[in-house]
Protein backbone atom coordinates (compact mmCIF):
# COMPACT_ATOMS: atom_id res chain seq x y z
CA MET A 1 87.90 80.46 126.03
CA THR A 2 87.00 77.10 124.51
CA THR A 3 89.97 76.52 122.18
CA PRO A 4 92.94 74.85 123.89
CA VAL A 5 96.14 76.84 124.17
CA THR A 6 98.87 75.25 122.03
CA ILE A 7 102.27 75.08 123.75
CA ILE A 8 105.43 73.95 121.99
CA GLY A 9 107.91 72.40 124.43
CA ALA A 10 107.54 70.45 127.67
CA GLY A 11 110.31 72.21 129.57
CA LEU A 12 109.69 73.86 132.91
CA GLY A 13 108.17 77.02 131.43
CA GLY A 14 105.74 75.23 129.15
CA LEU A 15 104.70 72.84 131.91
CA ILE A 16 104.08 75.66 134.39
CA LEU A 17 101.95 77.46 131.79
CA ALA A 18 99.85 74.35 131.17
CA ARG A 19 99.45 73.76 134.91
CA VAL A 20 98.40 77.35 135.69
CA LEU A 21 95.90 77.22 132.84
CA HIS A 22 94.57 73.92 134.19
CA VAL A 23 94.16 75.47 137.66
CA HIS A 24 91.98 78.13 136.00
CA GLY A 25 89.96 75.59 134.01
CA ILE A 26 91.59 76.35 130.65
CA ALA A 27 92.68 73.47 128.43
CA ALA A 28 96.13 73.25 126.87
CA THR A 29 97.98 70.86 124.61
CA ILE A 30 101.78 70.58 124.73
CA TYR A 31 103.68 69.24 121.72
CA GLU A 32 107.12 67.94 122.72
CA SER A 33 109.79 66.67 120.33
CA GLU A 34 111.26 64.14 122.77
CA PRO A 35 109.67 60.68 122.58
CA SER A 36 108.92 60.44 126.31
CA ALA A 37 109.53 62.02 129.68
CA GLU A 38 112.34 59.52 130.24
CA ALA A 39 114.13 60.14 126.93
CA ARG A 40 117.10 61.91 128.56
CA THR A 41 118.35 63.11 131.91
CA GLN A 42 117.18 66.59 132.83
CA GLY A 43 120.38 68.24 134.02
CA GLY A 44 121.55 69.09 137.50
CA GLN A 45 120.39 71.18 140.40
CA LEU A 46 118.51 74.44 140.25
CA ASP A 47 118.22 77.09 142.93
CA ILE A 48 114.60 78.19 142.94
CA HIS A 49 114.26 81.85 143.84
CA GLU A 50 111.57 83.27 146.08
CA ASN A 51 110.98 86.28 143.84
CA ASN A 52 110.13 84.33 140.67
CA GLY A 53 110.46 80.52 140.58
CA GLN A 54 108.75 79.97 143.92
CA LEU A 55 105.99 82.42 142.98
CA ALA A 56 105.41 80.45 139.78
CA LEU A 57 105.11 77.20 141.71
CA ALA A 58 102.69 78.85 144.13
CA ALA A 59 100.54 80.02 141.20
CA ALA A 60 100.57 76.41 140.00
CA GLY A 61 99.44 75.18 143.43
CA LEU A 62 102.57 73.06 143.84
CA THR A 63 104.39 74.63 146.77
CA ASP A 64 104.06 71.58 149.02
CA GLN A 65 105.29 69.24 146.29
CA PHE A 66 108.23 71.58 145.66
CA ARG A 67 109.21 71.68 149.32
CA ALA A 68 109.22 67.88 149.41
CA ILE A 69 112.03 67.66 146.81
CA ILE A 70 114.37 70.31 148.25
CA HIS A 71 117.99 69.16 148.64
CA GLU A 72 118.68 70.20 152.21
CA GLY A 73 122.10 71.83 152.53
CA GLY A 74 122.43 72.23 148.78
CA ALA A 75 122.36 76.03 148.88
CA ALA A 76 125.83 76.23 150.44
CA SER A 77 128.48 77.99 148.31
CA ARG A 78 132.27 78.03 148.22
CA ILE A 79 134.63 80.16 146.14
CA LEU A 80 138.22 78.97 145.69
CA ASP A 81 141.24 80.08 143.76
CA GLN A 82 143.07 77.71 141.41
CA HIS A 83 145.31 76.47 144.24
CA GLY A 84 142.35 75.31 146.32
CA THR A 85 142.49 78.21 148.78
CA VAL A 86 139.02 78.90 150.16
CA LEU A 87 138.15 82.56 149.66
CA LEU A 88 134.51 82.38 150.71
CA ASP A 89 132.48 79.67 152.44
CA GLU A 90 128.75 80.34 152.82
CA PRO A 91 126.76 77.55 154.51
CA ASP A 92 123.15 76.80 153.67
CA ASP A 93 121.38 78.78 156.38
CA GLY A 94 118.07 77.03 155.74
CA THR A 95 116.10 80.23 155.26
CA GLY A 96 114.62 78.95 152.01
CA GLY A 97 115.40 81.98 149.84
CA ARG A 98 117.05 79.89 147.11
CA PRO A 99 116.64 76.18 147.92
CA GLU A 100 118.13 73.63 145.54
CA VAL A 101 116.21 70.91 143.71
CA LEU A 102 117.07 68.53 140.91
CA ARG A 103 115.66 69.72 137.60
CA GLY A 104 114.36 66.22 136.87
CA ASP A 105 112.48 66.07 140.18
CA LEU A 106 110.95 69.48 139.55
CA ARG A 107 109.90 68.53 136.07
CA GLN A 108 108.31 65.35 137.39
CA ILE A 109 106.02 67.12 139.86
CA LEU A 110 104.87 69.34 137.01
CA LEU A 111 104.25 66.36 134.73
CA ASP A 112 102.30 64.63 137.49
CA SER A 113 100.12 67.72 137.98
CA LEU A 114 98.72 67.73 134.43
CA PRO A 115 95.71 65.79 133.14
CA ASP A 116 96.45 62.69 131.10
CA GLY A 117 96.82 63.49 127.42
CA THR A 118 97.99 67.07 127.92
CA ILE A 119 101.37 66.26 126.34
CA GLU A 120 101.81 64.72 122.91
CA TRP A 121 105.32 63.23 122.90
CA GLY A 122 107.46 62.71 119.83
CA ARG A 123 105.92 65.68 118.02
CA LYS A 124 108.77 67.77 116.63
CA VAL A 125 107.78 70.98 114.87
CA SER A 126 109.47 71.44 111.51
CA SER A 127 107.77 74.72 110.58
CA ALA A 128 105.20 77.24 111.74
CA VAL A 129 103.38 79.70 109.48
CA SER A 130 100.79 82.41 109.97
CA LEU A 131 97.35 81.89 108.45
CA GLY A 132 96.21 85.41 109.36
CA ASP A 133 93.64 86.52 111.94
CA GLY A 134 95.85 85.22 114.77
CA ARG A 135 95.77 81.62 113.54
CA HIS A 136 98.88 79.57 112.84
CA GLU A 137 99.63 76.22 111.24
CA LEU A 138 102.25 73.88 112.64
CA THR A 139 103.84 71.16 110.53
CA PHE A 140 105.53 68.27 112.33
CA ASP A 141 108.39 66.08 111.18
CA ASP A 142 105.95 63.25 110.39
CA GLY A 143 104.12 65.52 107.93
CA THR A 144 101.01 66.06 110.05
CA THR A 145 99.69 69.55 110.71
CA VAL A 146 97.80 71.37 113.46
CA THR A 147 96.05 74.72 113.31
CA THR A 148 96.11 76.90 116.42
CA ASP A 149 94.28 79.99 117.67
CA LEU A 150 96.77 80.70 120.47
CA LEU A 151 100.35 79.49 120.06
CA VAL A 152 103.09 79.69 122.70
CA GLY A 153 106.70 78.93 121.86
CA ALA A 154 108.31 77.37 124.94
CA ASP A 155 110.78 75.49 122.77
CA GLY A 156 114.09 76.85 123.95
CA ALA A 157 117.15 78.42 122.39
CA TRP A 158 116.56 77.23 118.84
CA SER A 159 112.82 77.87 118.85
CA LYS A 160 110.83 77.09 115.72
CA ILE A 161 108.19 79.57 116.86
CA ARG A 162 110.47 82.60 117.36
CA PRO A 163 110.72 83.41 113.60
CA LEU A 164 106.99 84.22 113.63
CA LEU A 165 107.85 87.17 115.87
CA SER A 166 111.53 88.05 115.49
CA ASP A 167 114.50 87.72 113.16
CA ALA A 168 116.90 87.42 116.11
CA THR A 169 119.02 84.28 116.44
CA PRO A 170 121.26 83.20 119.34
CA GLU A 171 124.97 83.98 119.01
CA TYR A 172 127.94 82.29 120.68
CA VAL A 173 129.17 84.47 123.54
CA GLY A 174 132.74 83.13 123.54
CA THR A 175 132.38 80.77 126.51
CA VAL A 176 131.90 77.02 126.58
CA PHE A 177 130.71 74.91 129.52
CA ILE A 178 131.92 71.31 129.52
CA GLU A 179 129.83 68.95 131.62
CA THR A 180 130.93 65.83 133.49
CA TYR A 181 130.12 63.83 136.62
CA LEU A 182 131.76 61.96 139.48
CA HIS A 183 129.90 59.16 141.27
CA ASP A 184 130.27 57.59 144.72
CA VAL A 185 132.42 60.58 145.60
CA ASP A 186 132.69 60.07 149.35
CA GLU A 187 134.09 56.57 148.85
CA ARG A 188 136.07 56.99 145.63
CA HIS A 189 137.08 60.66 145.60
CA PRO A 190 137.13 61.84 149.23
CA ALA A 191 139.55 64.75 148.74
CA THR A 192 137.47 66.17 145.93
CA ALA A 193 134.23 65.54 147.82
CA ASP A 194 135.67 67.41 150.78
CA VAL A 195 136.71 70.45 148.76
CA VAL A 196 133.31 70.68 147.05
CA GLY A 197 131.40 70.34 150.31
CA GLY A 198 127.62 69.99 150.46
CA GLY A 199 126.60 72.61 147.92
CA ALA A 200 128.15 74.62 145.09
CA LEU A 201 131.85 75.14 144.36
CA TYR A 202 133.30 77.93 142.22
CA ALA A 203 137.02 77.55 141.50
CA LEU A 204 137.88 80.40 139.17
CA ALA A 205 140.64 82.27 137.37
CA PRO A 206 140.59 84.75 134.48
CA GLY A 207 139.15 83.02 131.42
CA LYS A 208 138.54 79.65 133.05
CA GLY A 209 136.83 77.95 135.94
CA ILE A 210 135.70 74.68 137.45
CA THR A 211 132.26 74.83 139.02
CA ALA A 212 130.62 71.88 140.68
CA HIS A 213 127.57 70.98 142.71
CA ARG A 214 126.95 68.18 145.17
CA GLU A 215 123.83 66.22 144.27
CA SER A 216 122.06 63.46 146.15
CA GLY A 217 123.35 59.91 145.95
CA GLY A 218 127.05 60.77 146.17
CA VAL A 219 127.12 62.61 142.84
CA ILE A 220 129.14 65.70 141.95
CA HIS A 221 128.03 67.44 138.78
CA THR A 222 130.74 69.60 137.21
CA TYR A 223 130.79 72.34 134.59
CA VAL A 224 134.22 73.30 133.33
CA GLN A 225 134.09 76.86 131.99
CA LEU A 226 136.46 78.22 129.35
CA ASN A 227 136.59 81.40 127.28
CA ARG A 228 137.56 79.90 123.94
CA PRO A 229 136.70 80.50 120.27
CA ALA A 230 134.24 78.25 118.49
CA GLU A 231 137.14 76.66 116.56
CA TRP A 232 138.65 75.39 119.80
CA ILE A 233 135.38 73.72 120.74
CA ALA A 234 135.14 72.07 117.33
CA SER A 235 138.65 70.64 117.77
CA ILE A 236 137.60 68.61 120.85
CA ASP A 237 136.55 65.09 119.92
CA VAL A 238 134.07 64.30 122.70
CA THR A 239 133.56 60.82 121.23
CA ASP A 240 137.11 59.99 122.41
CA THR A 241 136.58 60.29 126.15
CA ALA A 242 140.20 59.85 127.26
CA ALA A 243 141.60 62.26 124.69
CA SER A 244 138.96 64.92 125.32
CA ILE A 245 139.45 64.73 129.09
CA ALA A 246 143.20 65.11 128.65
CA ARG A 247 142.72 68.06 126.30
CA VAL A 248 140.40 69.91 128.69
CA ALA A 249 142.52 69.07 131.76
CA ALA A 250 145.56 70.53 130.00
CA GLU A 251 143.87 73.94 130.23
CA PHE A 252 144.21 73.71 134.03
CA GLY A 253 147.90 72.98 134.44
CA GLY A 254 149.13 73.94 137.92
CA TRP A 255 145.69 73.83 139.50
CA ALA A 256 145.13 71.90 142.73
CA PRO A 257 144.76 68.16 142.02
CA GLU A 258 141.57 67.87 144.07
CA LEU A 259 140.07 70.41 141.64
CA THR A 260 141.39 68.93 138.41
CA ALA A 261 140.12 65.52 139.57
CA LEU A 262 136.67 66.89 138.82
CA ILE A 263 137.76 66.64 135.18
CA THR A 264 140.22 63.75 135.09
CA ALA A 265 138.40 61.31 137.38
CA GLY A 266 135.07 61.47 135.58
CA GLU A 267 133.68 58.21 134.25
CA THR A 268 131.30 59.75 131.73
CA ALA A 269 131.95 61.28 128.33
CA LEU A 270 132.33 65.04 128.35
CA VAL A 271 129.41 67.07 127.04
CA SER A 272 130.29 70.37 125.39
CA ARG A 273 127.76 73.18 125.83
CA PRO A 274 128.76 76.35 123.96
CA ILE A 275 126.94 79.29 125.52
CA HIS A 276 124.66 81.26 123.21
CA ALA A 277 122.52 84.29 123.91
CA LEU A 278 119.93 86.47 122.24
CA PRO A 279 120.49 90.25 122.29
CA SER A 280 119.94 91.51 125.83
CA ASP A 281 117.32 93.97 124.55
CA HIS A 282 115.44 91.36 122.53
CA GLN A 283 111.76 92.09 122.02
CA TRP A 284 109.23 92.19 119.21
CA ASP A 285 106.14 94.01 118.04
CA HIS A 286 103.04 92.15 119.15
CA VAL A 287 101.77 89.56 116.65
CA PRO A 288 98.20 88.29 117.16
CA GLY A 289 97.80 84.74 118.38
CA VAL A 290 101.41 83.92 119.27
CA THR A 291 104.03 84.62 121.94
CA LEU A 292 107.17 83.15 123.52
CA LEU A 293 108.46 82.33 126.97
CA GLY A 294 111.73 81.26 128.57
CA ASP A 295 114.82 80.76 126.42
CA ALA A 296 112.75 81.09 123.25
CA ALA A 297 112.10 84.70 124.28
CA HIS A 298 115.24 85.71 126.20
CA LEU A 299 118.11 83.23 125.99
CA MET A 300 120.96 84.56 128.12
CA ALA A 301 124.24 83.47 129.67
CA PRO A 302 123.88 81.20 132.73
CA SER A 303 123.27 83.26 135.86
CA GLY A 304 120.96 81.11 137.96
CA GLU A 305 117.89 82.84 136.55
CA GLY A 306 117.06 80.93 133.35
CA ALA A 307 114.79 78.25 134.78
CA ASN A 308 113.27 80.67 137.28
CA LEU A 309 112.44 83.16 134.55
CA ALA A 310 110.95 80.48 132.31
CA MET A 311 108.66 79.28 135.10
CA TYR A 312 107.70 82.83 136.03
CA ASP A 313 106.96 83.60 132.37
CA GLY A 314 104.70 80.54 132.19
CA ALA A 315 102.84 81.46 135.37
CA GLU A 316 102.40 85.12 134.39
CA LEU A 317 101.20 84.21 130.91
CA GLY A 318 98.76 81.67 132.33
CA LYS A 319 97.37 84.23 134.77
CA ALA A 320 97.05 86.84 132.01
CA ILE A 321 95.09 84.45 129.81
CA ALA A 322 92.85 83.51 132.73
CA ALA A 323 92.24 87.21 133.48
CA HIS A 324 91.29 88.01 129.86
CA PRO A 325 89.79 84.80 128.43
CA ASP A 326 87.68 86.77 125.95
CA ASN A 327 90.43 89.18 124.92
CA LEU A 328 93.53 87.14 124.31
CA GLU A 329 95.38 89.91 122.50
CA GLU A 330 95.12 92.10 125.58
CA ALA A 331 96.38 89.17 127.66
CA LEU A 332 99.37 88.64 125.38
CA ALA A 333 100.20 92.35 125.20
CA ASP A 334 100.11 92.72 128.99
CA TYR A 335 102.28 89.65 129.46
CA GLU A 336 104.83 90.68 126.83
CA ALA A 337 105.26 94.22 128.16
CA ALA A 338 106.11 92.96 131.64
CA MET A 339 108.23 90.07 130.32
CA PHE A 340 110.36 92.35 128.12
CA SER A 341 111.14 94.59 131.07
CA ARG A 342 112.22 91.86 133.46
CA SER A 343 114.08 89.74 130.90
CA GLN A 344 116.12 92.67 129.59
CA SER A 345 117.19 93.55 133.12
CA GLU A 346 118.13 89.94 133.87
CA ALA A 347 120.01 89.53 130.58
CA ALA A 348 122.17 92.54 131.39
CA ASP A 349 122.84 91.10 134.85
CA ALA A 350 123.73 87.71 133.32
CA ASP A 351 126.44 89.33 131.21
CA VAL A 352 127.83 91.00 134.32
CA ILE A 353 127.83 87.73 136.29
CA LEU A 354 129.67 85.87 133.52
CA GLY A 355 132.31 88.61 133.65
CA LEU A 356 132.59 88.32 137.42
CA CYS A 357 133.19 84.57 137.10
CA LEU A 358 135.63 84.53 134.18
CA GLY A 359 136.86 88.10 133.74
CA ASP A 360 140.21 89.57 134.66
CA GLY A 361 139.20 89.98 138.32
CA ALA A 362 138.22 86.35 138.92
CA PRO A 363 137.88 84.86 141.48
CA PHE A 364 137.98 87.95 143.70
CA SER A 365 135.33 89.75 141.67
CA LEU A 366 132.84 86.98 142.46
CA VAL A 367 133.78 87.06 146.15
CA GLU A 368 133.03 90.80 146.17
CA PHE A 369 129.68 90.14 144.51
CA PHE A 370 128.72 87.49 147.07
CA THR A 371 129.72 89.66 150.00
CA ALA A 372 128.24 92.94 148.74
CA PRO A 373 125.30 94.39 150.72
CA GLN A 374 121.82 93.68 149.42
CA PRO A 375 120.41 94.09 146.83
CA ALA A 376 123.61 93.37 144.84
CA HIS A 377 123.77 89.82 146.18
CA SER A 378 120.09 89.20 145.43
């Protein structure tokens, strides 16, 4: 094909797609709403799975670069109850099945792998319309337009491309994650650093939890998890750091102080992240010239699979286009059929995992999941 593939969104999925296309000699242009690669931090650590995320990086020819950014020891896991009692302690065995990397580091190796000019930064899509015959017109916030022959929406939960294919919109699932950080933890917060350990911590009870992950440079990245209505979230004034910290900490009265310090000792403003999801059976009838990947296609509750699925989607779509360069509709149809199957299965699993973490059986339900024979723990 001679017409560049148009990708909306420079997240992991869109970048993998552009890279796999580049490996196969196919041009792509990514339009990204953020003004630059440095516009914001890229979140915390990701465990990259050998059955999808690592396969995507291999298809992109970036396995060596990926291995160079692995956080050694970061795959360790601990499950605690609210009193700080350790119920499960799994060390990082170094087998490489799910190594941890920082999302920002992973994104950077993908950015570095693309030809100059692949990404147009500061290009926020305001609308997308069909022109017929598989062609689409994009209008950007600055009033400029672009016409595409092959359009891929890799633009996340609130995708501007999804309405071309589906009427579905994400809905709040009843759980909010509240993000915060501790810095210089070994010097300033040794008791909390000790309880978190070198990897992931899950301190859980029915309806609430404190999860944390050790990152490089003495950083602990925390997500407080609460089953609360949307009105409760709206009542938290995150612009008042002290008041919002006190309000969230009050939900954990009686918990071990080394756990609640993950909330109360943070120096940064809390960031509220209400969890939304598309229907677990989300799919669409094929529309010529356009498709979706990642959260735009199958937004689901956090389960450790979101980034891996987005990258795998990008790699599989890139390979399908390369295999059928003169029959793009066949490429898209093949990709979508396989993507619907795997994403629907993973979405159902994500709902189960959220229940294991915050349901009536927490934290023991998660311990049982971790200790179950394969393939349950896969």
